[in-house]
């Protein structure tokens, strides 16, 4: 509405524009963009930086010849992409320059005995063409295909599923309410409390999870009917032996997915983390882990998904916890496994004290923080009843007490009902189609997240602005509780 609201521009430049234009809406985009102060680590201001980022992102995603784009018939498989990424410029020089025995990994930079020392050519990875070998039988078999219309229909159904899920959560909350935050269940839930950003991440993840389920159901239905989709509008083709969940994770459809916001979170403020370009001259880490790695700015950042060492193994391939083994028999009770692996027997170690465990736990809480699901209005669902998934919250997964348990009775002597242990699933965090992923609310760095918080907003709330961290004041003459 006025030139003074353009905070990314100096007052002198604001006055210059005010003398040339009557209204801010009349200002030429290029002129105003070039007058903005450059962001740290950038040569342009925030407006032109944002526009160029969108332009290059759209250009790359729409380029059918860009080798990472999953647009058949020019798309590569995961194994082929892995082989391509093994190739380096140093390796190419080793392969093509006669009598070259060693070279520095970054050949265009001067050799450095510490950071860019020469290594033997036999240490560089070579591209294997084995992943491009074609199976004639597979090529002759009928190809299952997915059309754009099928994807759009699946996403529309997923939107309806998510809305029904929110309505169910509200109905269960209005009937059951939630556990008292000061109760044992509430106290335990406080150790895995999600922040607002985790809520928003989980809401978008829920839509992707339901969309993945709908797509797989549609594919399986088509397969059972033995009908091949019309090839006129196909955008993806894959063989019958390709795992569907792996195929889905390679498909990026986020450009036409709506961003969900729960109605009970509309009025809440979310801590907006730094998302701009990195300043390579800054000597300090960020609270969120953003820009700690200049090459991969979001690597190890707070409120991102965990990296997997092994692929996900869900009962339905997407999100349902496993209940059967590889042989088809039911899996043993989680309570039975826990009590068998960790029996209530004291074994004193002849070298290490309990402090080793405590310090390891302290370090672990610096690296990982998996938030658990909450109910409507951030309530704490009481998942103790064995039918809690139907009567309390869809994410409740109570654990039945096995026979002959050494501590818990199998029947609740007060109610006469089956005894179950309260258990709530963790929040989903996937940002692509495919299997459900989990959120790490801490940074992946050993940077004191359990002391200073995971973002700048929490860090400010933990400060007393007197040179010390905040403390909890106790009354009745008791000693104040320190931050740790």
Protein backbone atom coordinates (compact mmCIF):
# COMPACT_ATOMS: atom_id res chain seq x y z
CA UNK A 1 0.00 0.00 0.00
CA UNK A 2 2.99 2.34 0.55
CA UNK A 3 6.66 2.37 -0.30
CA UNK A 4 7.78 2.25 3.34
CA UNK A 5 6.43 -1.30 3.65
CA UNK A 6 9.13 -2.57 1.26
CA UNK A 7 11.52 -3.60 4.01
CA UNK A 8 13.92 -5.29 1.59
CA UNK A 9 14.87 -1.89 0.19
CA UNK A 10 16.77 0.98 1.78
CA UNK A 11 14.82 4.16 2.69
CA UNK A 12 16.78 6.17 0.12
CA UNK A 13 15.73 3.84 -2.68
CA UNK A 14 12.16 3.87 -1.42
CA UNK A 15 12.15 7.64 -1.73
CA UNK A 16 13.60 7.41 -5.23
CA UNK A 17 10.76 5.14 -6.35
CA UNK A 18 8.20 7.32 -4.57
CA UNK A 19 9.40 10.32 -6.58
CA UNK A 20 9.04 8.41 -9.86
CA UNK A 21 5.79 6.50 -9.29
CA UNK A 22 2.52 7.62 -7.76
CA UNK A 23 1.53 4.19 -6.44
CA UNK A 24 3.59 1.09 -5.51
CA UNK A 25 1.41 -0.97 -7.85
CA UNK A 26 2.75 1.03 -10.82
CA UNK A 27 6.40 0.22 -10.13
CA UNK A 28 8.13 -1.87 -12.76
CA UNK A 29 9.04 -5.32 -11.41
CA UNK A 30 12.59 -5.32 -12.77
CA UNK A 31 13.36 -1.83 -11.48
CA UNK A 32 12.09 -2.58 -7.98
CA UNK A 33 13.73 -6.00 -7.90
CA UNK A 34 17.16 -4.61 -8.79
CA UNK A 35 16.87 -1.95 -6.08
CA UNK A 36 16.33 -4.55 -3.32
CA UNK A 37 19.19 -5.31 -0.96
CA UNK A 38 20.93 -8.59 -1.89
CA UNK A 39 20.32 -11.48 0.48
CA UNK A 40 23.31 -13.03 2.30
CA UNK A 41 25.22 -15.22 -0.12
CA UNK A 42 23.26 -13.92 -3.12
CA UNK A 43 23.68 -11.15 -5.69
CA UNK A 44 19.94 -10.44 -5.94
CA UNK A 45 17.18 -9.42 -3.58
CA UNK A 46 14.44 -11.74 -2.31
CA UNK A 47 11.93 -11.04 -5.12
CA UNK A 48 14.20 -11.76 -8.09
CA UNK A 49 15.84 -14.63 -6.21
CA UNK A 50 12.43 -16.25 -5.72
CA UNK A 51 11.41 -15.69 -9.35
CA UNK A 52 14.64 -17.14 -10.74
CA UNK A 53 14.41 -20.13 -8.41
CA UNK A 54 10.88 -20.89 -9.65
CA UNK A 55 11.98 -20.38 -13.25
CA UNK A 56 14.92 -22.77 -13.06
CA UNK A 57 12.88 -25.32 -11.10
CA UNK A 58 10.12 -25.26 -13.73
CA UNK A 59 12.68 -25.40 -16.54
CA UNK A 60 14.36 -28.47 -15.11
CA UNK A 61 11.14 -30.29 -14.26
CA UNK A 62 9.68 -29.67 -17.73
CA UNK A 63 12.83 -30.72 -19.61
CA UNK A 64 12.09 -34.24 -20.85
CA UNK A 65 15.80 -34.74 -21.60
CA UNK A 66 16.98 -33.93 -18.06
CA UNK A 67 18.37 -37.28 -16.96
CA UNK A 68 16.78 -37.25 -13.48
CA UNK A 69 13.23 -36.56 -14.67
CA UNK A 70 10.90 -39.55 -14.60
CA UNK A 71 9.28 -38.93 -17.99
CA UNK A 72 9.20 -42.05 -20.22
CA UNK A 73 10.51 -43.16 -22.58
CA UNK A 74 13.72 -41.32 -21.59
CA UNK A 75 13.56 -42.03 -17.84
CA UNK A 76 16.21 -44.05 -16.02
CA UNK A 77 15.63 -46.62 -13.30
CA UNK A 78 16.98 -46.17 -9.79
CA UNK A 79 19.87 -48.54 -10.50
CA UNK A 80 20.73 -46.73 -13.74
CA UNK A 81 20.69 -43.34 -11.99
CA UNK A 82 22.92 -44.78 -9.29
CA UNK A 83 25.44 -45.88 -11.92
CA UNK A 84 25.33 -42.48 -13.67
CA UNK A 85 25.99 -40.67 -10.38
CA UNK A 86 29.10 -42.77 -9.82
CA UNK A 87 30.78 -41.08 -12.78
CA UNK A 88 33.12 -38.22 -11.92
CA UNK A 89 35.22 -35.89 -14.04
CA UNK A 90 38.38 -37.26 -12.45
CA UNK A 91 37.29 -40.79 -13.34
CA UNK A 92 36.62 -39.76 -16.94
CA UNK A 93 40.11 -38.25 -17.22
CA UNK A 94 41.63 -41.43 -15.81
CA UNK A 95 39.77 -43.48 -18.41
CA UNK A 96 40.73 -41.34 -21.39
CA UNK A 97 44.19 -39.89 -20.69
CA UNK A 98 46.93 -42.40 -21.54
CA UNK A 99 49.44 -43.29 -18.80
CA UNK A 100 47.55 -41.25 -16.16
CA UNK A 101 47.97 -43.17 -12.90
CA UNK A 102 46.62 -40.73 -10.29
CA UNK A 103 44.66 -37.49 -10.08
CA UNK A 104 43.03 -35.29 -7.46
CA UNK A 105 39.25 -35.95 -6.98
CA UNK A 106 38.41 -32.37 -8.02
CA UNK A 107 40.63 -32.08 -11.08
CA UNK A 108 39.86 -28.42 -11.86
CA UNK A 109 41.09 -27.36 -8.43
CA UNK A 110 44.74 -27.22 -7.47
CA UNK A 111 46.13 -30.28 -5.75
CA UNK A 112 46.12 -30.01 -1.96
CA UNK A 113 47.77 -32.64 0.23
CA UNK A 114 44.97 -32.29 2.82
CA UNK A 115 41.75 -31.44 0.98
CA UNK A 116 42.38 -32.50 -2.63
CA UNK A 117 45.20 -35.02 -2.60
CA UNK A 118 45.88 -37.23 -5.59
CA UNK A 119 44.54 -40.79 -5.46
CA UNK A 120 45.12 -43.70 -7.78
CA UNK A 121 42.90 -44.04 -10.83
CA UNK A 122 41.91 -47.54 -9.72
CA UNK A 123 40.07 -45.99 -6.73
CA UNK A 124 37.49 -44.18 -8.87
CA UNK A 125 34.12 -45.82 -9.53
CA UNK A 126 33.33 -46.96 -13.04
CA UNK A 127 29.95 -47.02 -14.73
CA UNK A 128 28.55 -50.51 -15.20
CA UNK A 129 26.32 -50.99 -18.24
CA UNK A 130 24.78 -54.11 -16.68
CA UNK A 131 21.73 -52.16 -15.49
CA UNK A 132 20.91 -51.28 -19.12
CA UNK A 133 20.77 -54.95 -20.16
CA UNK A 134 17.35 -55.63 -21.69
CA UNK A 135 15.34 -58.74 -20.90
CA UNK A 136 13.64 -59.81 -24.12
CA UNK A 137 10.94 -61.69 -22.26
CA UNK A 138 10.16 -58.66 -20.17
CA UNK A 139 10.00 -56.41 -23.21
CA UNK A 140 7.50 -58.73 -24.87
CA UNK A 141 5.26 -58.90 -21.79
CA UNK A 142 2.32 -56.56 -21.39
CA UNK A 143 3.23 -53.31 -19.67
CA UNK A 144 1.09 -51.95 -16.87
CA UNK A 145 0.57 -48.26 -17.20
CA UNK A 146 -0.75 -45.41 -15.11
CA UNK A 147 -2.59 -42.53 -16.71
CA UNK A 148 -2.75 -38.94 -15.57
CA UNK A 149 -6.51 -39.31 -15.15
CA UNK A 150 -5.99 -42.23 -12.76
CA UNK A 151 -3.61 -40.13 -10.67
CA UNK A 152 -6.04 -37.20 -10.52
CA UNK A 153 -8.91 -39.47 -9.50
CA UNK A 154 -6.77 -41.10 -6.81
CA UNK A 155 -5.79 -37.71 -5.40
CA UNK A 156 -9.42 -36.53 -5.37
CA UNK A 157 -10.40 -39.67 -3.46
CA UNK A 158 -7.46 -39.15 -1.11
CA UNK A 159 -8.66 -35.59 -0.37
CA UNK A 160 -12.06 -37.00 0.56
CA UNK A 161 -10.38 -39.65 2.72
CA UNK A 162 -8.38 -37.01 4.58
CA UNK A 163 -11.46 -34.87 5.21
CA UNK A 164 -13.29 -37.90 6.57
CA UNK A 165 -10.27 -38.63 8.73
CA UNK A 166 -10.37 -35.09 10.20
CA UNK A 167 -14.11 -35.42 10.81
CA UNK A 168 -13.58 -38.76 12.55
CA UNK A 169 -10.87 -37.28 14.75
CA UNK A 170 -13.16 -34.41 15.71
CA UNK A 171 -16.08 -36.71 16.47
CA UNK A 172 -13.95 -39.02 18.64
CA UNK A 173 -12.42 -36.03 20.42
CA UNK A 174 -15.85 -34.51 21.12
CA UNK A 175 -17.01 -37.81 22.67
CA UNK A 176 -13.85 -38.97 24.43
CA UNK A 177 -11.85 -35.81 24.93
CA UNK A 178 -8.21 -36.40 25.78
CA UNK A 179 -5.98 -37.50 28.62
CA UNK A 180 -5.06 -35.05 31.37
CA UNK A 181 -1.62 -33.55 30.55
CA UNK A 182 -0.65 -34.09 34.20
CA UNK A 183 -1.68 -37.76 34.20
CA UNK A 184 0.90 -40.55 33.64
CA UNK A 185 -0.20 -40.84 29.99
CA UNK A 186 -0.01 -37.07 29.54
CA UNK A 187 3.43 -36.92 31.15
CA UNK A 188 4.72 -39.67 28.86
CA UNK A 189 3.22 -37.93 25.81
CA UNK A 190 5.04 -34.70 26.70
CA UNK A 191 8.36 -36.39 25.83
CA UNK A 192 7.23 -36.77 22.21
CA UNK A 193 5.22 -33.57 21.75
CA UNK A 194 5.16 -32.29 18.14
CA UNK A 195 5.70 -28.65 17.27
CA UNK A 196 3.53 -26.70 14.84
CA UNK A 197 5.80 -27.33 11.87
CA UNK A 198 5.61 -31.08 12.49
CA UNK A 199 1.80 -30.82 12.48
CA UNK A 200 1.80 -29.17 9.06
CA UNK A 201 4.33 -31.66 7.69
CA UNK A 202 2.18 -34.55 8.96
CA UNK A 203 -0.99 -33.14 7.38
CA UNK A 204 0.58 -33.03 3.91
CA UNK A 205 2.10 -36.45 4.52
CA UNK A 206 -1.34 -37.86 5.32
CA UNK A 207 -2.66 -36.78 1.93
CA UNK A 208 0.33 -38.37 0.15
CA UNK A 209 -0.14 -41.56 2.16
CA UNK A 210 -3.82 -41.83 1.24
CA UNK A 211 -3.07 -40.94 -2.38
CA UNK A 212 -0.43 -43.70 -2.55
CA UNK A 213 -2.95 -46.17 -1.16
CA UNK A 214 -5.60 -45.12 -3.68
CA UNK A 215 -3.17 -45.38 -6.62
CA UNK A 216 -2.05 -48.87 -5.63
CA UNK A 217 -5.67 -49.97 -5.15
CA UNK A 218 -6.50 -48.66 -8.63
CA UNK A 219 -3.51 -50.44 -10.16
CA UNK A 220 -4.36 -53.71 -8.45
CA UNK A 221 -7.98 -53.42 -9.59
CA UNK A 222 -6.89 -52.89 -13.18
CA UNK A 223 -4.48 -55.80 -12.92
CA UNK A 224 -7.17 -58.11 -11.61
CA UNK A 225 -9.46 -57.17 -14.47
CA UNK A 226 -6.59 -57.85 -16.90
CA UNK A 227 -7.26 -54.66 -18.80
CA UNK A 228 -4.57 -52.45 -20.19
CA UNK A 229 -5.00 -48.69 -19.88
CA UNK A 230 -5.31 -46.56 -22.96
CA UNK A 231 -1.80 -45.56 -24.03
CA UNK A 232 -2.93 -42.21 -25.41
CA UNK A 233 -2.54 -40.27 -22.20
CA UNK A 234 0.02 -42.37 -20.40
CA UNK A 235 2.72 -40.53 -18.56
CA UNK A 236 4.32 -43.46 -16.76
CA UNK A 237 5.00 -47.03 -17.76
CA UNK A 238 6.41 -49.78 -15.59
CA UNK A 239 6.78 -53.52 -15.73
CA UNK A 240 4.75 -55.94 -13.60
CA UNK A 241 7.82 -56.92 -11.58
CA UNK A 242 8.67 -53.39 -10.48
CA UNK A 243 7.68 -52.82 -6.82
CA UNK A 244 4.80 -50.38 -6.81
CA UNK A 245 5.91 -48.49 -3.73
CA UNK A 246 9.36 -47.88 -5.26
CA UNK A 247 7.71 -46.69 -8.44
CA UNK A 248 5.53 -44.26 -6.51
CA UNK A 249 8.46 -42.76 -4.60
CA UNK A 250 10.09 -41.81 -7.93
CA UNK A 251 6.97 -39.98 -9.09
CA UNK A 252 6.80 -36.28 -8.21
CA UNK A 253 3.21 -35.02 -8.31
CA UNK A 254 3.47 -32.40 -5.57
CA UNK A 255 2.97 -29.59 -8.11
CA UNK A 256 -0.77 -30.34 -8.34
CA UNK A 257 -1.32 -31.50 -4.75
CA UNK A 258 -3.22 -29.13 -2.45
CA UNK A 259 -1.58 -28.06 0.78
CA UNK A 260 -3.67 -29.19 3.72
CA UNK A 261 -4.17 -27.24 6.92
CA UNK A 262 -6.11 -28.67 9.83
CA UNK A 263 -8.99 -26.44 10.96
CA UNK A 264 -7.76 -26.59 14.56
CA UNK A 265 -4.36 -25.15 13.53
CA UNK A 266 -5.50 -22.17 11.48
CA UNK A 267 -4.98 -19.63 14.25
CA UNK A 268 -1.68 -21.01 15.49
CA UNK A 269 1.58 -19.32 14.62
CA UNK A 270 4.29 -21.42 13.04
CA UNK A 271 7.91 -20.52 13.56
CA UNK A 272 9.17 -19.50 10.14
CA UNK A 273 12.68 -20.81 9.75
CA UNK A 274 15.33 -19.36 7.50
CA UNK A 275 14.76 -20.52 3.92
CA UNK A 276 16.89 -18.07 1.98
CA UNK A 277 20.30 -18.64 0.44
CA UNK A 278 23.17 -19.59 2.70
CA UNK A 279 25.88 -17.18 3.76
CA UNK A 280 29.18 -19.07 3.37
CA UNK A 281 30.93 -16.44 5.49
CA UNK A 282 28.82 -17.10 8.58
CA UNK A 283 30.90 -18.88 11.27
CA UNK A 284 27.86 -20.02 13.26
CA UNK A 285 25.47 -22.92 12.98
CA UNK A 286 21.73 -22.34 12.70
CA UNK A 287 19.28 -23.59 15.31
CA UNK A 288 17.37 -25.58 12.69
CA UNK A 289 20.44 -27.01 10.95
CA UNK A 290 19.60 -25.07 7.78
CA UNK A 291 22.79 -24.23 5.82
CA UNK A 292 25.02 -26.24 8.17
CA UNK A 293 25.98 -28.11 5.00
CA UNK A 294 26.50 -25.58 2.21
CA UNK A 295 26.19 -28.16 -0.57
CA UNK A 296 22.99 -29.74 0.79
CA UNK A 297 21.39 -26.98 2.80
CA UNK A 298 18.57 -29.12 4.25
CA UNK A 299 20.75 -32.08 5.17
CA UNK A 300 20.18 -32.90 8.83
CA UNK A 301 17.70 -30.06 9.26
CA UNK A 302 15.08 -30.24 12.00
CA UNK A 303 11.56 -31.40 11.13
CA UNK A 304 12.61 -33.50 8.17
CA UNK A 305 12.23 -37.22 7.58
CA UNK A 306 14.67 -39.82 8.82
CA UNK A 307 17.02 -41.46 6.32
CA UNK A 308 16.48 -45.22 6.02
CA UNK A 309 19.21 -47.85 6.16
CA UNK A 310 16.71 -50.52 5.04
CA UNK A 311 13.58 -50.13 2.90
CA UNK A 312 10.23 -49.76 4.62
CA UNK A 313 8.30 -52.98 5.31
CA UNK A 314 4.62 -52.30 5.93
CA UNK A 315 1.80 -54.83 5.85
CA UNK A 316 0.13 -53.13 2.87
CA UNK A 317 3.36 -51.72 1.44
CA UNK A 318 2.35 -48.14 2.35
CA UNK A 319 1.57 -47.50 6.01
CA UNK A 320 -0.08 -50.36 7.92
CA UNK A 321 2.18 -51.88 10.62
CA UNK A 322 3.18 -55.46 9.99
CA UNK A 323 1.12 -58.11 11.75
CA UNK A 324 2.29 -61.21 9.87
CA UNK A 325 5.75 -62.68 9.33
CA UNK A 326 7.35 -63.62 6.01
CA UNK A 327 5.82 -67.09 6.42
CA UNK A 328 2.34 -65.68 6.91
CA UNK A 329 1.94 -66.49 10.61
CA UNK A 330 1.08 -63.70 13.10
CA UNK A 331 4.04 -61.82 14.54
CA UNK A 332 4.68 -62.25 18.28
CA UNK A 333 3.48 -59.62 20.74
CA UNK A 334 5.70 -56.54 21.08
CA UNK A 335 5.27 -56.80 24.86
CA UNK A 336 6.42 -60.44 24.80
CA UNK A 337 9.54 -59.55 22.79
CA UNK A 338 10.35 -56.62 25.10
CA UNK A 339 10.01 -58.66 28.30
CA UNK A 340 12.06 -61.51 26.79
CA UNK A 341 14.92 -59.37 25.46
CA UNK A 342 14.98 -57.05 28.49
CA UNK A 343 13.98 -59.13 31.52
CA UNK A 344 13.59 -57.39 34.86
CA UNK A 345 16.85 -58.78 36.18
CA UNK A 346 19.74 -56.70 37.52
CA UNK A 347 23.13 -57.47 35.94
CA UNK A 348 25.82 -55.18 37.30
CA UNK A 349 28.54 -54.42 34.77
CA UNK A 350 32.09 -54.96 35.97
CA UNK A 351 33.40 -51.88 34.13
CA UNK A 352 30.69 -49.35 33.19
CA UNK A 353 28.32 -47.50 35.49
CA UNK A 354 24.79 -46.33 34.76
CA UNK A 355 26.24 -42.95 33.79
CA UNK A 356 27.40 -44.44 30.46
CA UNK A 357 23.79 -45.25 29.59
CA UNK A 358 22.61 -41.86 30.78
CA UNK A 359 25.16 -39.99 28.68
CA UNK A 360 24.35 -42.15 25.63
CA UNK A 361 20.68 -41.30 26.15
CA UNK A 362 21.59 -37.62 26.40
CA UNK A 363 23.48 -37.76 23.08
CA UNK A 364 20.64 -39.71 21.45
CA UNK A 365 18.16 -37.02 22.49
CA UNK A 366 20.40 -34.51 20.71
CA UNK A 367 20.19 -36.46 17.44
CA UNK A 368 16.64 -37.83 17.32
CA UNK A 369 13.20 -36.70 18.41
CA UNK A 370 10.26 -38.57 16.89
CA UNK A 371 6.98 -36.75 17.61
CA UNK A 372 3.92 -38.87 18.27
CA UNK A 373 0.49 -38.32 16.79
CA UNK A 374 -1.93 -36.08 18.67
CA UNK A 375 -5.69 -35.79 18.60
CA UNK A 376 -7.88 -32.88 17.61
CA UNK A 377 -6.88 -29.53 19.14
CA UNK A 378 -3.52 -31.12 20.08
CA UNK A 379 -5.27 -33.35 22.63
CA UNK A 380 -3.57 -36.44 24.05
CA UNK A 381 -5.52 -39.59 23.08
CA UNK A 382 -5.81 -42.29 25.75
CA UNK A 383 -5.02 -45.46 23.79
CA UNK A 384 -5.30 -47.93 26.69
CA UNK A 385 -8.52 -49.61 25.57
CA UNK A 386 -8.01 -52.47 23.14
CA UNK A 387 -10.49 -50.93 20.67
CA UNK A 388 -8.86 -47.48 20.87
CA UNK A 389 -8.20 -47.40 17.11
CA UNK A 390 -11.98 -47.29 16.59
CA UNK A 391 -13.14 -45.39 19.67
CA UNK A 392 -10.29 -42.96 20.50
CA UNK A 393 -8.04 -42.17 17.50
CA UNK A 394 -7.24 -43.92 14.18
CA UNK A 395 -3.51 -43.84 14.99
CA UNK A 396 -3.92 -45.66 18.33
CA UNK A 397 -2.30 -49.09 18.23
CA UNK A 398 -2.78 -50.63 21.70
CA UNK A 399 -0.62 -53.66 22.57
CA UNK A 400 -2.54 -56.61 24.09
CA UNK A 401 -0.99 -58.06 27.24
CA UNK A 402 0.19 -61.61 26.38
CA UNK A 403 -0.63 -64.68 28.42
CA UNK A 404 1.39 -65.27 31.58
CA UNK A 405 2.83 -61.75 31.63
CA UNK A 406 5.04 -61.32 34.70
CA UNK A 407 3.69 -57.86 35.55
CA UNK A 408 0.38 -57.00 33.88
CA UNK A 409 -2.83 -59.04 34.27
CA UNK A 410 -4.47 -60.16 31.07
CA UNK A 411 -7.87 -58.88 32.25
CA UNK A 412 -8.49 -55.46 33.78
CA UNK A 413 -9.88 -56.31 37.22
CA UNK A 414 -11.77 -52.99 37.38
CA UNK A 415 -13.62 -53.15 34.06
CA UNK A 416 -13.38 -56.86 33.23
CA UNK A 417 -12.15 -55.97 29.72
CA UNK A 418 -9.04 -57.24 27.98
CA UNK A 419 -5.88 -55.48 29.20
CA UNK A 420 -3.89 -53.52 26.63
CA UNK A 421 -0.90 -51.20 26.86
CA UNK A 422 -1.34 -47.68 25.52
CA UNK A 423 0.59 -47.03 22.31
CA UNK A 424 0.28 -44.18 19.82
CA UNK A 425 1.97 -44.23 16.40
CA UNK A 426 4.48 -41.58 15.44
CA UNK A 427 3.57 -38.76 13.08
CA UNK A 428 3.93 -39.42 9.35
CA UNK A 429 6.38 -37.22 7.46
CA UNK A 430 6.63 -38.41 3.86
CA UNK A 431 6.76 -35.68 1.24
CA UNK A 432 6.51 -37.95 -1.80
CA UNK A 433 4.24 -40.77 -2.85
CA UNK A 434 5.17 -44.19 -1.51
CA UNK A 435 5.79 -45.68 1.90
CA UNK A 436 5.16 -43.79 5.12
CA UNK A 437 8.17 -42.03 6.64
CA UNK A 438 8.85 -40.70 10.14
CA UNK A 439 9.79 -37.19 11.29
CA UNK A 440 12.94 -36.17 13.13
CA UNK A 441 12.05 -33.01 15.02
CA UNK A 442 15.67 -32.47 16.09
CA UNK A 443 18.63 -31.67 13.90
CA UNK A 444 20.86 -34.58 12.93
CA UNK A 445 23.91 -32.71 14.23
CA UNK A 446 25.43 -32.94 17.71
CA UNK A 447 24.57 -29.31 18.38
CA UNK A 448 22.65 -29.36 21.66
CA UNK A 449 19.12 -29.53 20.25
CA UNK A 450 17.90 -30.95 23.57
CA UNK A 451 19.32 -27.83 25.30
CA UNK A 452 18.74 -24.92 22.91
CA UNK A 453 15.77 -26.24 20.91
CA UNK A 454 15.24 -27.12 17.25
CA UNK A 455 14.45 -23.68 15.87
CA UNK A 456 15.00 -20.02 16.62
CA UNK A 457 11.54 -19.61 18.21
CA UNK A 458 12.14 -22.31 20.79
CA UNK A 459 15.64 -20.99 21.40
CA UNK A 460 14.19 -17.57 22.23
CA UNK A 461 11.65 -19.10 24.62
CA UNK A 462 14.45 -20.91 26.47
CA UNK A 463 16.47 -17.73 27.06
CA UNK A 464 16.15 -15.43 30.03
CA UNK A 465 18.03 -12.61 28.20
CA UNK A 466 20.30 -12.13 31.17
CA UNK A 467 23.28 -14.13 30.00
CA UNK A 468 21.79 -17.46 31.05
CA UNK A 469 19.27 -20.01 29.89
CA UNK A 470 15.84 -19.87 31.41
CA UNK A 471 14.98 -21.69 34.63
CA UNK A 472 11.72 -22.96 36.10
CA UNK A 473 11.03 -21.08 39.32
CA UNK A 474 9.87 -23.30 42.16
CA UNK A 475 7.86 -21.97 45.08
CA UNK A 476 7.82 -22.91 48.77
CA UNK A 477 11.55 -22.29 49.02
CA UNK A 478 12.48 -25.10 46.60
CA UNK A 479 15.51 -24.78 44.34
CA UNK A 480 14.88 -23.53 40.80
CA UNK A 481 14.88 -26.20 38.09
CA UNK A 482 17.77 -25.72 35.65
CA UNK A 483 17.33 -26.15 31.87
CA UNK A 484 18.96 -29.60 31.91
